[in-house]
Amino acid sequence: ELVVLEGEEPEDYRILAANPSLERILGIDRQSIIGKLSRDAYGTD
């Protein structure tokens, strides 16, 4: 889901759910990224 402040453009998105295959494909523990913003989940600026 998008993270949008009132009246502004989206600034990030939050991971709500992921299936087991995502964990296998991305090589990331899906439990550790659920509920996090994408910057924190993927370690990007």
All heavy atoms as atom14 arrays in JSON, in Angstrom:
{
  "sequence": "ELVVLEGEEPEDYRILAANPSLERILGIDRQSIIGKLSRDAYGTD",
  "atom14_mask": [
    [1, 1, 1, 1, 1, 1, 1, 1, 1, 0, 0, 0, 0, 0],
    [1, 1, 1, 1, 1, 1, 1, 1, 0, 0, 0, 0, 0, 0],
    [1, 1, 1, 1, 1, 1, 1, 0, 0, 0, 0, 0, 0, 0],
    [1, 1, 1, 1, 1, 1, 1, 0, 0, 0, 0, 0, 0, 0],
    [1, 1, 1, 1, 1, 1, 1, 1, 0, 0, 0, 0, 0, 0],
    [1, 1, 1, 1, 1, 1, 1, 1, 1, 0, 0, 0, 0, 0],
    [1, 1, 1, 1, 0, 0, 0, 0, 0, 0, 0, 0, 0, 0],
    [1, 1, 1, 1, 1, 1, 1, 1, 1, 0, 0, 0, 0, 0],
    [1, 1, 1, 1, 1, 1, 1, 1, 1, 0, 0, 0, 0, 0],
    [1, 1, 1, 1, 1, 1, 1, 0, 0, 0, 0, 0, 0, 0],
    [1, 1, 1, 1, 1, 1, 1, 1, 1, 0, 0, 0, 0, 0],
    [1, 1, 1, 1, 1, 1, 1, 1, 0, 0, 0, 0, 0, 0],
    [1, 1, 1, 1, 1, 1, 1, 1, 1, 1, 1, 1, 0, 0],
    [1, 1, 1, 1, 1, 1, 1, 1, 1, 1, 1, 0, 0, 0],
    [1, 1, 1, 1, 1, 1, 1, 1, 0, 0, 0, 0, 0, 0],
    [1, 1, 1, 1, 1, 1, 1, 1, 0, 0, 0, 0, 0, 0],
    [1, 1, 1, 1, 1, 0, 0, 0, 0, 0, 0, 0, 0, 0],
    [1, 1, 1, 1, 1, 0, 0, 0, 0, 0, 0, 0, 0, 0],
    [1, 1, 1, 1, 1, 1, 1, 1, 0, 0, 0, 0, 0, 0],
    [1, 1, 1, 1, 1, 1, 1, 0, 0, 0, 0, 0, 0, 0],
    [1, 1, 1, 1, 1, 1, 0, 0, 0, 0, 0, 0, 0, 0],
    [1, 1, 1, 1, 1, 1, 1, 1, 0, 0, 0, 0, 0, 0],
    [1, 1, 1, 1, 1, 1, 1, 1, 1, 0, 0, 0, 0, 0],
    [1, 1, 1, 1, 1, 1, 1, 1, 1, 1, 1, 0, 0, 0],
    [1, 1, 1, 1, 1, 1, 1, 1, 0, 0, 0, 0, 0, 0],
    [1, 1, 1, 1, 1, 1, 1, 1, 0, 0, 0, 0, 0, 0],
    [1, 1, 1, 1, 0, 0, 0, 0, 0, 0, 0, 0, 0, 0],
    [1, 1, 1, 1, 1, 1, 1, 1, 0, 0, 0, 0, 0, 0],
    [1, 1, 1, 1, 1, 1, 1, 1, 0, 0, 0, 0, 0, 0],
    [1, 1, 1, 1, 1, 1, 1, 1, 1, 1, 1, 0, 0, 0],
    [1, 1, 1, 1, 1, 1, 1, 1, 1, 0, 0, 0, 0, 0],
    [1, 1, 1, 1, 1, 1, 0, 0, 0, 0, 0, 0, 0, 0],
    [1, 1, 1, 1, 1, 1, 1, 1, 0, 0, 0, 0, 0, 0],
    [1, 1, 1, 1, 1, 1, 1, 1, 0, 0, 0, 0, 0, 0],
    [1, 1, 1, 1, 0, 0, 0, 0, 0, 0, 0, 0, 0, 0],
    [1, 1, 1, 1, 1, 1, 1, 1, 1, 0, 0, 0, 0, 0],
    [1, 1, 1, 1, 1, 1, 1, 1, 0, 0, 0, 0, 0, 0],
    [1, 1, 1, 1, 1, 1, 0, 0, 0, 0, 0, 0, 0, 0],
    [1, 1, 1, 1, 1, 1, 1, 1, 1, 1, 1, 0, 0, 0],
    [1, 1, 1, 1, 1, 1, 1, 1, 0, 0, 0, 0, 0, 0],
    [1, 1, 1, 1, 1, 0, 0, 0, 0, 0, 0, 0, 0, 0],
    [1, 1, 1, 1, 1, 1, 1, 1, 1, 1, 1, 1, 0, 0],
    [1, 1, 1, 1, 0, 0, 0, 0, 0, 0, 0, 0, 0, 0],
    [1, 1, 1, 1, 1, 1, 1, 0, 0, 0, 0, 0, 0, 0],
    [1, 1, 1, 1, 1, 1, 1, 1, 0, 0, 0, 0, 0, 0]
  ],
  "atom14_positions": [
    [[0.85, -1.18, 0.0], [0.0, 0.0, 0.0], [0.89, 1.23, 0.0], [1.99, 1.23, 0.53], [-0.92, 0.02, 1.23], [-0.21, 0.21, 2.55], [-1.18, 0.34, 3.73], [-2.39, 0.31, 3.47], [-0.69, 0.45, 4.86], [0.0, 0.0, 0.0], [0.0, 0.0, 0.0], [0.0, 0.0, 0.0], [0.0, 0.0, 0.0], [0.0, 0.0, 0.0]],
    [[0.36, 2.26, -0.71], [1.12, 3.5, -0.8], [1.1, 4.24, 0.53], [0.11, 4.2, 1.26], [0.53, 4.4, -1.88], [0.6, 3.88, -3.33], [-0.12, 4.85, -4.27], [2.04, 3.68, -3.76], [0.0, 0.0, 0.0], [0.0, 0.0, 0.0], [0.0, 0.0, 0.0], [0.0, 0.0, 0.0], [0.0, 0.0, 0.0], [0.0, 0.0, 0.0]],
    [[2.2, 4.92, 0.79], [2.27, 5.8, 1.96], [2.16, 7.2, 1.41], [3.09, 7.71, 0.76], [3.59, 5.61, 2.74], [3.67, 6.6, 3.89], [3.7, 4.16, 3.24], [0.0, 0.0, 0.0], [0.0, 0.0, 0.0], [0.0, 0.0, 0.0], [0.0, 0.0, 0.0], [0.0, 0.0, 0.0], [0.0, 0.0, 0.0], [0.0, 0.0, 0.0]],
    [[0.96, 7.83, 1.67], [0.68, 9.14, 1.08], [0.28, 10.1, 2.19], [-0.63, 9.82, 2.97], [-0.46, 9.05, 0.05], [-0.68, 10.42, -0.61], [-0.16, 7.98, -0.99], [0.0, 0.0, 0.0], [0.0, 0.0, 0.0], [0.0, 0.0, 0.0], [0.0, 0.0, 0.0], [0.0, 0.0, 0.0], [0.0, 0.0, 0.0], [0.0, 0.0, 0.0]],
    [[0.98, 11.22, 2.27], [0.59, 12.27, 3.2], [-0.52, 13.08, 2.56], [-0.62, 13.18, 1.33], [1.79, 13.15, 3.54], [2.96, 12.43, 4.24], [4.1, 13.41, 4.48], [2.51, 11.8, 5.55], [0.0, 0.0, 0.0], [0.0, 0.0, 0.0], [0.0, 0.0, 0.0], [0.0, 0.0, 0.0], [0.0, 0.0, 0.0], [0.0, 0.0, 0.0]],
    [[-1.35, 13.7, 3.37], [-2.51, 14.42, 2.88], [-2.09, 15.49, 1.87], [-1.31, 16.39, 2.18], [-3.28, 15.07, 4.05], [-4.6, 15.69, 3.66], [-5.62, 14.66, 3.21], [-5.57, 13.49, 3.68], [-6.43, 15.0, 2.34], [0.0, 0.0, 0.0], [0.0, 0.0, 0.0], [0.0, 0.0, 0.0], [0.0, 0.0, 0.0], [0.0, 0.0, 0.0]],
    [[-2.65, 15.33, 0.67], [-2.41, 16.35, -0.36], [-1.05, 16.32, -1.0], [-0.67, 17.25, -1.72], [0.0, 0.0, 0.0], [0.0, 0.0, 0.0], [0.0, 0.0, 0.0], [0.0, 0.0, 0.0], [0.0, 0.0, 0.0], [0.0, 0.0, 0.0], [0.0, 0.0, 0.0], [0.0, 0.0, 0.0], [0.0, 0.0, 0.0], [0.0, 0.0, 0.0]],
    [[-0.27, 15.27, -0.76], [1.06, 15.19, -1.34], [1.2, 13.91, -2.17], [0.36, 13.01, -2.14], [2.12, 15.21, -0.24], [2.15, 16.53, 0.54], [3.26, 16.54, 1.57], [4.07, 15.57, 1.55], [3.33, 17.47, 2.36], [0.0, 0.0, 0.0], [0.0, 0.0, 0.0], [0.0, 0.0, 0.0], [0.0, 0.0, 0.0], [0.0, 0.0, 0.0]],
    [[2.29, 13.86, -2.92], [2.59, 12.68, -3.74], [3.04, 11.53, -2.84], [3.58, 11.76, -1.76], [3.7, 13.0, -4.75], [3.31, 14.01, -5.81], [2.25, 13.45, -6.75], [2.3, 12.22, -7.04], [1.38, 14.21, -7.19], [0.0, 0.0, 0.0], [0.0, 0.0, 0.0], [0.0, 0.0, 0.0], [0.0, 0.0, 0.0], [0.0, 0.0, 0.0]],
    [[2.84, 10.26, -3.28], [3.32, 9.12, -2.48], [4.82, 9.22, -2.25], [5.57, 9.59, -3.15], [2.96, 7.91, -3.34], [1.85, 8.39, -4.23], [2.13, 9.83, -4.5], [0.0, 0.0, 0.0], [0.0, 0.0, 0.0], [0.0, 0.0, 0.0], [0.0, 0.0, 0.0], [0.0, 0.0, 0.0], [0.0, 0.0, 0.0], [0.0, 0.0, 0.0]],
    [[5.22, 8.89, -1.03], [6.64, 8.98, -0.73], [7.28, 7.61, -0.51], [8.49, 7.48, -0.51], [6.89, 9.83, 0.51], [6.27, 9.29, 1.77], [6.61, 10.12, 3.0], [6.91, 11.32, 2.83], [6.59, 9.54, 4.09], [0.0, 0.0, 0.0], [0.0, 0.0, 0.0], [0.0, 0.0, 0.0], [0.0, 0.0, 0.0], [0.0, 0.0, 0.0]],
    [[6.43, 6.57, -0.34], [6.96, 5.21, -0.16], [5.79, 4.25, -0.23], [4.64, 4.65, -0.43], [7.7, 5.08, 1.17], [8.73, 3.96, 1.18], [8.63, 3.07, 0.29], [9.64, 3.97, 2.02], [0.0, 0.0, 0.0], [0.0, 0.0, 0.0], [0.0, 0.0, 0.0], [0.0, 0.0, 0.0], [0.0, 0.0, 0.0], [0.0, 0.0, 0.0]],
    [[6.09, 2.97, -0.1], [5.02, 1.98, 0.01], [5.45, 0.94, 1.04], [6.62, 0.71, 1.28], [4.69, 1.34, -1.34], [5.88, 0.71, -2.07], [6.26, -0.61, -1.8], [6.6, 1.43, -3.01], [7.33, -1.18, -2.47], [7.67, 0.88, -3.67], [8.04, -0.44, -3.41], [9.11, -1.0, -4.05], [0.0, 0.0, 0.0], [0.0, 0.0, 0.0]],
    [[4.38, 0.35, 1.64], [4.62, -0.59, 2.74], [4.26, -1.98, 2.26], [3.28, -2.18, 1.52], [3.75, -0.21, 3.94], [4.11, -0.96, 5.23], [3.14, -0.61, 6.35], [2.98, 0.82, 6.46], [3.83, 1.62, 7.11], [4.9, 1.12, 7.68], [3.6, 2.92, 7.19], [0.0, 0.0, 0.0], [0.0, 0.0, 0.0], [0.0, 0.0, 0.0]],
    [[5.05, -2.97, 2.66], [4.81, -4.37, 2.28], [3.79, -4.95, 3.26], [4.04, -5.02, 4.46], [6.1, -5.19, 2.31], [7.15, -4.57, 1.37], [5.85, -6.65, 1.94], [8.51, -5.18, 1.49], [0.0, 0.0, 0.0], [0.0, 0.0, 0.0], [0.0, 0.0, 0.0], [0.0, 0.0, 0.0], [0.0, 0.0, 0.0], [0.0, 0.0, 0.0]],
    [[2.65, -5.36, 2.69], [1.57, -5.9, 3.52], [1.62, -7.41, 3.61], [1.26, -7.98, 4.65], [0.22, -5.46, 2.96], [0.0, -3.94, 2.88], [-1.38, -3.66, 2.29], [0.15, -3.29, 4.25], [0.0, 0.0, 0.0], [0.0, 0.0, 0.0], [0.0, 0.0, 0.0], [0.0, 0.0, 0.0], [0.0, 0.0, 0.0], [0.0, 0.0, 0.0]],
    [[2.01, -8.08, 2.5], [2.03, -9.55, 2.5], [2.99, -10.03, 1.44], [3.27, -9.32, 0.46], [0.63, -10.1, 2.24], [0.0, 0.0, 0.0], [0.0, 0.0, 0.0], [0.0, 0.0, 0.0], [0.0, 0.0, 0.0], [0.0, 0.0, 0.0], [0.0, 0.0, 0.0], [0.0, 0.0, 0.0], [0.0, 0.0, 0.0], [0.0, 0.0, 0.0]],
    [[3.48, -11.3, 1.56], [4.38, -11.92, 0.58], [4.23, -13.43, 0.68], [4.03, -13.96, 1.77], [5.82, -11.52, 0.82], [0.0, 0.0, 0.0], [0.0, 0.0, 0.0], [0.0, 0.0, 0.0], [0.0, 0.0, 0.0], [0.0, 0.0, 0.0], [0.0, 0.0, 0.0], [0.0, 0.0, 0.0], [0.0, 0.0, 0.0], [0.0, 0.0, 0.0]],
    [[4.26, -14.1, -0.46], [4.13, -15.56, -0.42], [5.5, -16.21, -0.26], [6.55, -15.55, -0.38], [3.39, -16.07, -1.66], [4.22, -15.91, -2.93], [5.26, -15.26, -2.91], [3.74, -16.49, -4.02], [0.0, 0.0, 0.0], [0.0, 0.0, 0.0], [0.0, 0.0, 0.0], [0.0, 0.0, 0.0], [0.0, 0.0, 0.0], [0.0, 0.0, 0.0]],
    [[5.55, -17.51, 0.0], [6.85, -18.18, 0.19], [7.77, -18.08, -1.03], [9.0, -18.04, -0.88], [6.45, -19.63, 0.47], [5.06, -19.54, 1.03], [4.41, -18.41, 0.3], [0.0, 0.0, 0.0], [0.0, 0.0, 0.0], [0.0, 0.0, 0.0], [0.0, 0.0, 0.0], [0.0, 0.0, 0.0], [0.0, 0.0, 0.0], [0.0, 0.0, 0.0]],
    [[7.18, -18.06, -2.2], [8.02, -17.99, -3.4], [8.8, -16.68, -3.47], [9.9, -16.63, -4.02], [7.15, -18.15, -4.65], [6.58, -19.43, -4.72], [0.0, 0.0, 0.0], [0.0, 0.0, 0.0], [0.0, 0.0, 0.0], [0.0, 0.0, 0.0], [0.0, 0.0, 0.0], [0.0, 0.0, 0.0], [0.0, 0.0, 0.0], [0.0, 0.0, 0.0]],
    [[8.21, -15.59, -2.93], [8.92, -14.32, -2.91], [10.19, -14.46, -2.08], [11.25, -13.92, -2.44], [8.02, -13.24, -2.33], [8.66, -11.83, -2.29], [8.8, -11.29, -3.7], [7.81, -10.89, -1.44], [0.0, 0.0, 0.0], [0.0, 0.0, 0.0], [0.0, 0.0, 0.0], [0.0, 0.0, 0.0], [0.0, 0.0, 0.0], [0.0, 0.0, 0.0]],
    [[10.06, -15.17, -0.98], [11.22, -15.39, -0.12], [12.31, -16.13, -0.89], [13.5, -15.81, -0.81], [10.78, -16.19, 1.11], [11.86, -16.4, 2.15], [11.3, -17.12, 3.37], [10.9, -18.3, 3.21], [11.27, -16.51, 4.45], [0.0, 0.0, 0.0], [0.0, 0.0, 0.0], [0.0, 0.0, 0.0], [0.0, 0.0, 0.0], [0.0, 0.0, 0.0]],
    [[11.87, -17.14, -1.66], [12.84, -17.91, -2.44], [13.43, -17.07, -3.57], [14.63, -17.11, -3.82], [12.14, -19.14, -3.02], [12.97, -19.93, -4.01], [12.19, -21.14, -4.5], [10.87, -20.79, -4.98], [10.63, -20.31, -6.2], [11.63, -20.1, -7.04], [9.4, -20.04, -6.57], [0.0, 0.0, 0.0], [0.0, 0.0, 0.0], [0.0, 0.0, 0.0]],
    [[12.6, -16.29, -4.25], [13.06, -15.52, -5.41], [13.98, -14.39, -4.99], [15.04, -14.18, -5.58], [11.85, -14.98, -6.19], [11.09, -16.16, -6.83], [12.3, -14.0, -7.26], [9.78, -15.76, -7.45], [0.0, 0.0, 0.0], [0.0, 0.0, 0.0], [0.0, 0.0, 0.0], [0.0, 0.0, 0.0], [0.0, 0.0, 0.0], [0.0, 0.0, 0.0]],
    [[13.56, -13.65, -3.97], [14.35, -12.48, -3.57], [15.47, -12.84, -2.61], [16.39, -12.03, -2.4], [13.45, -11.44, -2.92], [12.33, -10.86, -3.81], [11.57, -9.79, -3.04], [12.91, -10.29, -5.1], [0.0, 0.0, 0.0], [0.0, 0.0, 0.0], [0.0, 0.0, 0.0], [0.0, 0.0, 0.0], [0.0, 0.0, 0.0], [0.0, 0.0, 0.0]],
    [[15.36, -14.02, -2.01], [16.39, -14.39, -1.04], [16.28, -13.58, 0.24], [17.28, -13.34, 0.91], [0.0, 0.0, 0.0], [0.0, 0.0, 0.0], [0.0, 0.0, 0.0], [0.0, 0.0, 0.0], [0.0, 0.0, 0.0], [0.0, 0.0, 0.0], [0.0, 0.0, 0.0], [0.0, 0.0, 0.0], [0.0, 0.0, 0.0], [0.0, 0.0, 0.0]],
    [[15.04, -13.14, 0.56], [14.82, -12.32, 1.75], [13.78, -13.03, 2.63], [12.77, -13.53, 2.13], [14.29, -10.92, 1.34], [15.33, -10.21, 0.47], [13.97, -10.09, 2.57], [14.83, -8.88, -0.08], [0.0, 0.0, 0.0], [0.0, 0.0, 0.0], [0.0, 0.0, 0.0], [0.0, 0.0, 0.0], [0.0, 0.0, 0.0], [0.0, 0.0, 0.0]],
    [[14.01, -13.03, 3.91], [13.04, -13.61, 4.84], [11.77, -12.78, 4.79], [11.76, -11.6, 5.14], [13.63, -13.62, 6.26], [12.67, -14.22, 7.29], [11.64, -14.77, 6.86], [12.97, -14.11, 8.48], [0.0, 0.0, 0.0], [0.0, 0.0, 0.0], [0.0, 0.0, 0.0], [0.0, 0.0, 0.0], [0.0, 0.0, 0.0], [0.0, 0.0, 0.0]],
    [[10.69, -13.41, 4.36], [9.47, -12.63, 4.13], [8.89, -12.11, 5.44], [8.26, -11.05, 5.47], [8.42, -13.47, 3.39], [7.94, -14.69, 4.12], [7.09, -15.56, 3.2], [6.56, -16.71, 3.88], [5.33, -16.78, 4.43], [4.52, -15.75, 4.33], [4.93, -17.86, 5.03], [0.0, 0.0, 0.0], [0.0, 0.0, 0.0], [0.0, 0.0, 0.0]],
    [[9.11, -12.81, 6.51], [8.58, -12.34, 7.79], [9.26, -11.06, 8.25], [8.67, -10.22, 8.92], [8.74, -13.44, 8.85], [7.98, -14.72, 8.55], [6.47, -14.48, 8.47], [5.91, -13.59, 9.16], [5.78, -15.28, 7.64], [0.0, 0.0, 0.0], [0.0, 0.0, 0.0], [0.0, 0.0, 0.0], [0.0, 0.0, 0.0], [0.0, 0.0, 0.0]],
    [[10.54, -10.92, 7.83], [11.29, -9.76, 8.28], [10.94, -8.49, 7.52], [11.29, -7.39, 7.94], [12.8, -10.04, 8.15], [13.16, -10.17, 6.79], [0.0, 0.0, 0.0], [0.0, 0.0, 0.0], [0.0, 0.0, 0.0], [0.0, 0.0, 0.0], [0.0, 0.0, 0.0], [0.0, 0.0, 0.0], [0.0, 0.0, 0.0], [0.0, 0.0, 0.0]],
    [[10.26, -8.65, 6.37], [9.97, -7.45, 5.58], [8.5, -7.05, 5.63], [8.15, -5.94, 5.25], [10.39, -7.65, 4.11], [9.59, -8.8, 3.46], [11.89, -7.89, 4.0], [9.84, -8.94, 1.97], [0.0, 0.0, 0.0], [0.0, 0.0, 0.0], [0.0, 0.0, 0.0], [0.0, 0.0, 0.0], [0.0, 0.0, 0.0], [0.0, 0.0, 0.0]],
    [[7.64, -7.94, 6.07], [6.21, -7.61, 6.12], [6.0, -6.5, 7.15], [6.47, -6.56, 8.28], [5.37, -8.84, 6.47], [5.45, -9.86, 5.32], [3.92, -8.46, 6.75], [4.74, -11.18, 5.6], [0.0, 0.0, 0.0], [0.0, 0.0, 0.0], [0.0, 0.0, 0.0], [0.0, 0.0, 0.0], [0.0, 0.0, 0.0], [0.0, 0.0, 0.0]],
    [[5.3, -5.47, 6.71], [5.01, -4.31, 7.54], [6.06, -3.22, 7.43], [5.87, -2.13, 7.97], [0.0, 0.0, 0.0], [0.0, 0.0, 0.0], [0.0, 0.0, 0.0], [0.0, 0.0, 0.0], [0.0, 0.0, 0.0], [0.0, 0.0, 0.0], [0.0, 0.0, 0.0], [0.0, 0.0, 0.0], [0.0, 0.0, 0.0], [0.0, 0.0, 0.0]],
    [[7.14, -3.46, 6.72], [8.18, -2.46, 6.6], [8.0, -1.63, 5.33], [7.39, -2.06, 4.35], [9.56, -3.12, 6.57], [10.0, -3.69, 7.92], [11.43, -4.2, 7.82], [11.92, -4.69, 9.18], [13.32, -5.16, 9.13], [0.0, 0.0, 0.0], [0.0, 0.0, 0.0], [0.0, 0.0, 0.0], [0.0, 0.0, 0.0], [0.0, 0.0, 0.0]],
    [[8.56, -0.42, 5.39], [8.63, 0.39, 4.18], [9.67, -0.22, 3.24], [10.61, -0.9, 3.65], [9.0, 1.83, 4.52], [8.0, 2.6, 5.39], [8.55, 3.98, 5.73], [6.66, 2.72, 4.68], [0.0, 0.0, 0.0], [0.0, 0.0, 0.0], [0.0, 0.0, 0.0], [0.0, 0.0, 0.0], [0.0, 0.0, 0.0], [0.0, 0.0, 0.0]],
    [[9.51, 0.06, 1.94], [10.39, -0.57, 0.94], [11.86, -0.18, 1.14], [12.76, -0.98, 0.9], [9.94, -0.19, -0.47], [10.11, 1.22, -0.67], [0.0, 0.0, 0.0], [0.0, 0.0, 0.0], [0.0, 0.0, 0.0], [0.0, 0.0, 0.0], [0.0, 0.0, 0.0], [0.0, 0.0, 0.0], [0.0, 0.0, 0.0], [0.0, 0.0, 0.0]],
    [[12.09, 1.1, 1.57], [13.48, 1.51, 1.79], [14.17, 0.6, 2.79], [15.31, 0.18, 2.61], [13.53, 2.95, 2.3], [13.2, 4.03, 1.28], [13.46, 5.39, 1.9], [13.18, 6.49, 1.0], [12.01, 7.11, 0.94], [11.02, 6.7, 1.74], [11.85, 8.11, 0.09], [0.0, 0.0, 0.0], [0.0, 0.0, 0.0], [0.0, 0.0, 0.0]],
    [[13.43, 0.29, 3.88], [14.0, -0.53, 4.94], [14.08, -2.0, 4.52], [15.03, -2.7, 4.84], [13.15, -0.4, 6.21], [13.08, 1.04, 6.71], [14.1, 1.77, 6.5], [12.07, 1.42, 7.29], [0.0, 0.0, 0.0], [0.0, 0.0, 0.0], [0.0, 0.0, 0.0], [0.0, 0.0, 0.0], [0.0, 0.0, 0.0], [0.0, 0.0, 0.0]],
    [[13.07, -2.47, 3.77], [13.03, -3.89, 3.39], [14.14, -4.23, 2.41], [14.79, -5.28, 2.52], [11.67, -4.22, 2.77], [0.0, 0.0, 0.0], [0.0, 0.0, 0.0], [0.0, 0.0, 0.0], [0.0, 0.0, 0.0], [0.0, 0.0, 0.0], [0.0, 0.0, 0.0], [0.0, 0.0, 0.0], [0.0, 0.0, 0.0], [0.0, 0.0, 0.0]],
    [[14.36, -3.33, 1.43], [15.34, -3.65, 0.38], [16.67, -2.95, 0.56], [17.59, -3.15, -0.23], [14.75, -3.29, -0.99], [13.45, -4.02, -1.28], [12.28, -3.33, -1.55], [13.42, -5.42, -1.3], [11.1, -3.99, -1.81], [12.24, -6.09, -1.56], [11.08, -5.37, -1.83], [9.93, -6.04, -2.08], [0.0, 0.0, 0.0], [0.0, 0.0, 0.0]],
    [[16.78, -2.11, 1.59], [18.04, -1.43, 1.86], [18.44, -0.46, 0.79], [19.63, -0.37, 0.43], [0.0, 0.0, 0.0], [0.0, 0.0, 0.0], [0.0, 0.0, 0.0], [0.0, 0.0, 0.0], [0.0, 0.0, 0.0], [0.0, 0.0, 0.0], [0.0, 0.0, 0.0], [0.0, 0.0, 0.0], [0.0, 0.0, 0.0], [0.0, 0.0, 0.0]],
    [[17.47, 0.31, 0.24], [17.77, 1.29, -0.81], [17.5, 2.69, -0.31], [16.73, 2.89, 0.64], [16.91, 1.02, -2.05], [15.52, 1.1, -1.69], [17.21, -0.36, -2.62], [0.0, 0.0, 0.0], [0.0, 0.0, 0.0], [0.0, 0.0, 0.0], [0.0, 0.0, 0.0], [0.0, 0.0, 0.0], [0.0, 0.0, 0.0], [0.0, 0.0, 0.0]],
    [[18.1, 3.68, -0.99], [17.88, 5.08, -0.61], [16.52, 5.58, -1.07], [15.92, 6.45, -0.42], [18.97, 5.97, -1.21], [20.34, 5.65, -0.63], [20.39, 5.16, 0.51], [21.35, 5.88, -1.34], [0.0, 0.0, 0.0], [0.0, 0.0, 0.0], [0.0, 0.0, 0.0], [0.0, 0.0, 0.0], [0.0, 0.0, 0.0], [0.0, 0.0, 0.0]]
  ]
}
